[in-house]
Amino acid sequence: MKLIIFLFTLITFSANAQQSNTLNWDDARINGKMELTILKREFETVYKKADKIVTPDYTEICGSDEDSNFQYYHYKNLQYELDNGVMNFMKITFSDKSAFFFTYKDKKFDSTTTLNDLRILFPEAGIEKDSHDESFLLDSGSPLDDNLWRFTLKSGKLISIEYFSQC
């Protein structure tokens, strides 16, 4: 019996260690409530109309082709991909005046979030640096999804969170 308990504990620790550099889509929210995938009509019930809707050049976007029919839906500091009435989160940009924040596992991310705050929740995540910004990269946590999360910091503070394809 002790061996079974020991093995179960070891498996649990191993699974948790593997998840320390991932962010699960289903556990994330905007302003603690709004899911990252939402119907357009539900979004507009709360936030009204988009500030801007952009139809991209599909030939310049990896994973899309000339039959694609999605648009980028911008509302204040949020960007979604709108396809067939369903909106999927793409990016949130933070500022001191922003009314939006991002939540994951009861942690709030906004313009006051620092690299140390991110390190506590994601200790194994990789960091990329360029001359202006730092990017904190996380996996999606799904074996069927090879997209990444990019947390971008400037002057030590979080300025955006983006979900993107790495193709």
C-alpha atoms as a PDB file:
ATOM      1  CA  MET A   1       0.000   0.000   0.000  1.00  0.00           C
ATOM      2  CA  LYS A   2       2.818   2.413   0.834  1.00  0.00           C
ATOM      3  CA  LEU A   3       4.352   1.701  -2.558  1.00  0.00           C
ATOM      4  CA  ILE A   4       1.109   2.662  -4.316  1.00  0.00           C
ATOM      5  CA  ILE A   5       0.855   5.920  -2.361  1.00  0.00           C
ATOM      6  CA  PHE A   6       4.514   6.680  -3.103  1.00  0.00           C
ATOM      7  CA  LEU A   7       4.054   6.042  -6.845  1.00  0.00           C
ATOM      8  CA  PHE A   8       0.896   8.162  -6.968  1.00  0.00           C
ATOM      9  CA  THR A   9       2.687  11.026  -5.202  1.00  0.00           C
ATOM     10  CA  LEU A  10       5.651  10.747  -7.559  1.00  0.00           C
ATOM     11  CA  ILE A  11       3.375  10.845 -10.606  1.00  0.00           C
ATOM     12  CA  THR A  12       1.533  13.887  -9.228  1.00  0.00           C
ATOM     13  CA  PHE A  13       4.792  15.786  -8.620  1.00  0.00           C
ATOM     14  CA  SER A  14       6.053  14.844 -12.068  1.00  0.00           C
ATOM     15  CA  ALA A  15       2.855  16.077 -13.743  1.00  0.00           C
ATOM     16  CA  ASN A  16       2.964  19.348 -11.816  1.00  0.00           C
ATOM     17  CA  ALA A  17       6.621  19.899 -12.703  1.00  0.00           C
ATOM     18  CA  GLN A  18       5.876  19.426 -16.379  1.00  0.00           C
ATOM     19  CA  GLN A  19       3.127  22.046 -16.213  1.00  0.00           C
ATOM     20  CA  SER A  20       5.313  24.800 -14.746  1.00  0.00           C
ATOM     21  CA  ASN A  21       5.908  26.374 -18.154  1.00  0.00           C
ATOM     22  CA  THR A  22       2.391  26.053 -19.577  1.00  0.00           C
ATOM     23  CA  LEU A  23      -0.753  28.148 -19.507  1.00  0.00           C
ATOM     24  CA  ASN A  24      -4.020  26.299 -20.064  1.00  0.00           C
ATOM     25  CA  TRP A  25      -6.477  28.238 -22.284  1.00  0.00           C
ATOM     26  CA  ASP A  26      -9.523  27.000 -20.349  1.00  0.00           C
ATOM     27  CA  ASP A  27      -8.218  28.345 -17.030  1.00  0.00           C
ATOM     28  CA  ALA A  28      -7.538  31.879 -18.286  1.00  0.00           C
ATOM     29  CA  ARG A  29     -10.019  34.779 -18.269  1.00  0.00           C
ATOM     30  CA  ILE A  30     -10.291  38.453 -19.137  1.00  0.00           C
ATOM     31  CA  ASN A  31     -11.218  40.538 -16.072  1.00  0.00           C
ATOM     32  CA  GLY A  32     -11.658  37.328 -14.098  1.00  0.00           C
ATOM     33  CA  LYS A  33     -14.916  36.419 -15.880  1.00  0.00           C
ATOM     34  CA  MET A  34     -14.839  36.433 -19.661  1.00  0.00           C
ATOM     35  CA  GLU A  35     -13.577  33.230 -21.278  1.00  0.00           C
ATOM     36  CA  LEU A  36     -10.994  33.437 -24.049  1.00  0.00           C
ATOM     37  CA  THR A  37     -13.371  31.842 -26.558  1.00  0.00           C
ATOM     38  CA  ILE A  38     -16.708  33.648 -26.679  1.00  0.00           C
ATOM     39  CA  LEU A  39     -19.554  34.136 -29.115  1.00  0.00           C
ATOM     40  CA  LYS A  40     -19.524  37.545 -30.788  1.00  0.00           C
ATOM     41  CA  ARG A  41     -23.093  38.307 -29.668  1.00  0.00           C
ATOM     42  CA  GLU A  42     -22.170  37.539 -26.025  1.00  0.00           C
ATOM     43  CA  PHE A  43     -19.111  39.786 -26.242  1.00  0.00           C
ATOM     44  CA  GLU A  44     -21.166  42.623 -27.742  1.00  0.00           C
ATOM     45  CA  THR A  45     -23.805  42.258 -25.038  1.00  0.00           C
ATOM     46  CA  VAL A  46     -21.171  43.357 -22.530  1.00  0.00           C
ATOM     47  CA  TYR A  47     -18.727  45.477 -24.538  1.00  0.00           C
ATOM     48  CA  LYS A  48     -20.842  46.680 -27.508  1.00  0.00           C
ATOM     49  CA  LYS A  49     -19.218  47.140 -30.919  1.00  0.00           C
ATOM     50  CA  ALA A  50     -15.596  46.759 -31.944  1.00  0.00           C
ATOM     51  CA  ASP A  51     -13.370  49.804 -32.254  1.00  0.00           C
ATOM     52  CA  LYS A  52     -11.936  48.300 -35.424  1.00  0.00           C
ATOM     53  CA  ILE A  53     -12.443  45.151 -37.532  1.00  0.00           C
ATOM     54  CA  VAL A  54      -9.582  44.209 -39.863  1.00  0.00           C
ATOM     55  CA  THR A  55      -9.632  41.609 -42.640  1.00  0.00           C
ATOM     56  CA  PRO A  56      -6.023  40.415 -42.978  1.00  0.00           C
ATOM     57  CA  ASP A  57      -4.153  39.317 -46.078  1.00  0.00           C
ATOM     58  CA  TYR A  58      -4.563  35.565 -45.545  1.00  0.00           C
ATOM     59  CA  THR A  59      -1.560  34.721 -47.727  1.00  0.00           C
ATOM     60  CA  GLU A  60       0.714  36.386 -45.159  1.00  0.00           C
ATOM     61  CA  ILE A  61      -0.592  34.385 -42.181  1.00  0.00           C
ATOM     62  CA  CYS A  62       0.777  30.930 -41.448  1.00  0.00           C
ATOM     63  CA  GLY A  63      -1.841  28.223 -41.302  1.00  0.00           C
ATOM     64  CA  SER A  64      -4.353  30.104 -43.447  1.00  0.00           C
ATOM     65  CA  ASP A  65      -5.162  29.998 -47.144  1.00  0.00           C
ATOM     66  CA  GLU A  66      -7.294  31.893 -49.672  1.00  0.00           C
ATOM     67  CA  ASP A  67     -10.415  30.111 -48.358  1.00  0.00           C
ATOM     68  CA  SER A  68      -9.929  31.603 -44.885  1.00  0.00           C
ATOM     69  CA  ASN A  69     -12.609  33.970 -43.710  1.00  0.00           C
ATOM     70  CA  PHE A  70     -11.585  35.306 -40.301  1.00  0.00           C
ATOM     71  CA  GLN A  71     -11.128  38.890 -39.167  1.00  0.00           C
ATOM     72  CA  TYR A  72      -9.291  40.615 -36.368  1.00  0.00           C
ATOM     73  CA  TYR A  73     -11.677  42.205 -33.903  1.00  0.00           C
ATOM     74  CA  HIS A  74     -10.173  45.054 -31.850  1.00  0.00           C
ATOM     75  CA  TYR A  75     -11.859  46.486 -28.774  1.00  0.00           C
ATOM     76  CA  LYS A  76      -9.866  48.914 -26.623  1.00  0.00           C
ATOM     77  CA  ASN A  77      -6.793  46.922 -25.514  1.00  0.00           C
ATOM     78  CA  LEU A  78      -8.108  43.513 -26.628  1.00  0.00           C
ATOM     79  CA  GLN A  79      -7.634  41.711 -29.929  1.00  0.00           C
ATOM     80  CA  TYR A  80      -9.640  38.647 -30.938  1.00  0.00           C
ATOM     81  CA  GLU A  81      -9.816  36.536 -34.056  1.00  0.00           C
ATOM     82  CA  LEU A  82     -13.428  36.450 -35.260  1.00  0.00           C
ATOM     83  CA  ASP A  83     -14.417  33.417 -37.342  1.00  0.00           C
ATOM     84  CA  ASN A  84     -18.024  32.357 -38.019  1.00  0.00           C
ATOM     85  CA  GLY A  85     -19.378  34.316 -35.056  1.00  0.00           C
ATOM     86  CA  VAL A  86     -16.862  32.847 -32.595  1.00  0.00           C
ATOM     87  CA  MET A  87     -14.172  35.048 -31.092  1.00  0.00           C
ATOM     88  CA  ASN A  88     -10.848  33.616 -29.928  1.00  0.00           C
ATOM     89  CA  PHE A  89      -8.451  35.651 -27.821  1.00  0.00           C
ATOM     90  CA  MET A  90      -5.262  36.825 -29.500  1.00  0.00           C
ATOM     91  CA  LYS A  91      -3.782  39.668 -27.465  1.00  0.00           C
ATOM     92  CA  ILE A  92      -4.280  42.024 -24.551  1.00  0.00           C
ATOM     93  CA  THR A  93      -2.186  45.185 -24.170  1.00  0.00           C
ATOM     94  CA  PHE A  94      -1.785  46.794 -20.762  1.00  0.00           C
ATOM     95  CA  SER A  95      -1.440  50.421 -19.774  1.00  0.00           C
ATOM     96  CA  ASP A  96      -1.965  52.326 -16.558  1.00  0.00           C
ATOM     97  CA  LYS A  97      -5.352  53.470 -17.921  1.00  0.00           C
ATOM     98  CA  SER A  98      -6.491  50.044 -19.145  1.00  0.00           C
ATOM     99  CA  ALA A  99      -9.736  48.690 -17.719  1.00  0.00           C
ATOM    100  CA  PHE A 100      -8.817  45.143 -18.746  1.00  0.00           C
ATOM    101  CA  PHE A 101      -6.668  42.581 -16.988  1.00  0.00           C
ATOM    102  CA  PHE A 102      -5.865  38.908 -17.521  1.00  0.00           C
ATOM    103  CA  THR A 103      -6.377  36.213 -14.895  1.00  0.00           C
ATOM    104  CA  TYR A 104      -4.960  32.727 -14.589  1.00  0.00           C
ATOM    105  CA  LYS A 105      -5.251  30.467 -11.533  1.00  0.00           C
ATOM    106  CA  ASP A 106      -6.616  33.359  -9.482  1.00  0.00           C
ATOM    107  CA  LYS A 107      -3.576  35.503 -10.346  1.00  0.00           C
ATOM    108  CA  LYS A 108      -4.194  38.905 -11.902  1.00  0.00           C
ATOM    109  CA  PHE A 109      -1.902  40.143 -14.673  1.00  0.00           C
ATOM    110  CA  ASP A 110      -1.872  43.829 -15.606  1.00  0.00           C
ATOM    111  CA  SER A 111       0.546  46.731 -16.062  1.00  0.00           C
ATOM    112  CA  THR A 112       1.841  46.291 -12.494  1.00  0.00           C
ATOM    113  CA  THR A 113       2.917  42.648 -13.033  1.00  0.00           C
ATOM    114  CA  THR A 114       6.692  42.107 -12.936  1.00  0.00           C
ATOM    115  CA  LEU A 115       9.005  39.369 -14.177  1.00  0.00           C
ATOM    116  CA  ASN A 116       9.345  38.119 -10.585  1.00  0.00           C
ATOM    117  CA  ASP A 117       5.552  37.780 -10.359  1.00  0.00           C
ATOM    118  CA  LEU A 118       5.573  35.647 -13.516  1.00  0.00           C
ATOM    119  CA  ARG A 119       8.506  33.550 -12.290  1.00  0.00           C
ATOM    120  CA  ILE A 120       6.555  32.527  -9.194  1.00  0.00           C
ATOM    121  CA  LEU A 121       3.762  30.996 -11.271  1.00  0.00           C
ATOM    122  CA  PHE A 122       5.916  29.778 -14.187  1.00  0.00           C
ATOM    123  CA  PRO A 123       9.401  28.973 -12.814  1.00  0.00           C
ATOM    124  CA  GLU A 124      10.515  26.861 -15.809  1.00  0.00           C
ATOM    125  CA  ALA A 125       9.464  29.237 -18.618  1.00  0.00           C
ATOM    126  CA  GLY A 126      12.019  30.556 -21.066  1.00  0.00           C
ATOM    127  CA  ILE A 127      12.862  34.227 -21.470  1.00  0.00           C
ATOM    128  CA  GLU A 128      13.872  35.953 -24.689  1.00  0.00           C
ATOM    129  CA  LYS A 129      15.516  39.359 -24.640  1.00  0.00           C
ATOM    130  CA  ASP A 130      16.028  41.958 -27.326  1.00  0.00           C
ATOM    131  CA  SER A 131      17.295  45.511 -27.074  1.00  0.00           C
ATOM    132  CA  HIS A 132      13.940  46.907 -25.899  1.00  0.00           C
ATOM    133  CA  ASP A 133      11.813  44.185 -24.328  1.00  0.00           C
ATOM    134  CA  GLU A 134      11.823  40.869 -22.526  1.00  0.00           C
ATOM    135  CA  SER A 135       9.460  38.098 -23.600  1.00  0.00           C
ATOM    136  CA  PHE A 136       8.366  35.338 -21.311  1.00  0.00           C
ATOM    137  CA  LEU A 137       7.303  32.293 -23.386  1.00  0.00           C
ATOM    138  CA  LEU A 138       4.886  29.567 -22.284  1.00  0.00           C
ATOM    139  CA  ASP A 139       3.492  26.481 -23.980  1.00  0.00           C
ATOM    140  CA  SER A 140      -0.253  26.039 -24.417  1.00  0.00           C
ATOM    141  CA  GLY A 141      -0.208  22.885 -22.312  1.00  0.00           C
ATOM    142  CA  SER A 142      -2.151  20.892 -24.904  1.00  0.00           C
ATOM    143  CA  PRO A 143      -0.533  18.123 -26.966  1.00  0.00           C
ATOM    144  CA  LEU A 144      -2.882  19.029 -29.844  1.00  0.00           C
ATOM    145  CA  ASP A 145      -1.928  22.696 -29.829  1.00  0.00           C
ATOM    146  CA  ASP A 146       1.588  23.927 -30.568  1.00  0.00           C
ATOM    147  CA  ASN A 147       0.771  27.606 -30.055  1.00  0.00           C
ATOM    148  CA  LEU A 148       2.645  29.713 -27.537  1.00  0.00           C
ATOM    149  CA  TRP A 149       1.875  32.449 -25.048  1.00  0.00           C
ATOM    150  CA  ARG A 150       4.143  35.504 -25.091  1.00  0.00           C
ATOM    151  CA  PHE A 151       4.213  37.773 -22.044  1.00  0.00           C
ATOM    152  CA  THR A 152       6.081  40.931 -23.089  1.00  0.00           C
ATOM    153  CA  LEU A 153       7.673  43.189 -20.488  1.00  0.00           C
ATOM    154  CA  LYS A 154       9.210  46.625 -20.876  1.00  0.00           C
ATOM    155  CA  SER A 155      11.170  48.329 -18.103  1.00  0.00           C
ATOM    156  CA  GLY A 156      10.358  45.363 -15.875  1.00  0.00           C
ATOM    157  CA  LYS A 157       6.559  45.652 -16.219  1.00  0.00           C
ATOM    158  CA  LEU A 158       4.120  43.572 -18.239  1.00  0.00           C
ATOM    159  CA  ILE A 159       2.873  45.361 -21.362  1.00  0.00           C
ATOM    160  CA  SER A 160       1.070  42.566 -23.257  1.00  0.00           C
ATOM    161  CA  ILE A 161       0.013  38.931 -23.401  1.00  0.00           C
ATOM    162  CA  GLU A 162      -0.322  37.327 -26.811  1.00  0.00           C
ATOM    163  CA  TYR A 163      -1.433  33.865 -27.962  1.00  0.00           C
ATOM    164  CA  PHE A 164       0.221  33.026 -31.267  1.00  0.00           C
ATOM    165  CA  SER A 165       1.106  30.275 -33.708  1.00  0.00           C
ATOM    166  CA  GLN A 166       4.791  29.504 -34.054  1.00  0.00           C
ATOM    167  CA  CYS A 167       4.681  28.307 -37.668  1.00  0.00           C
END
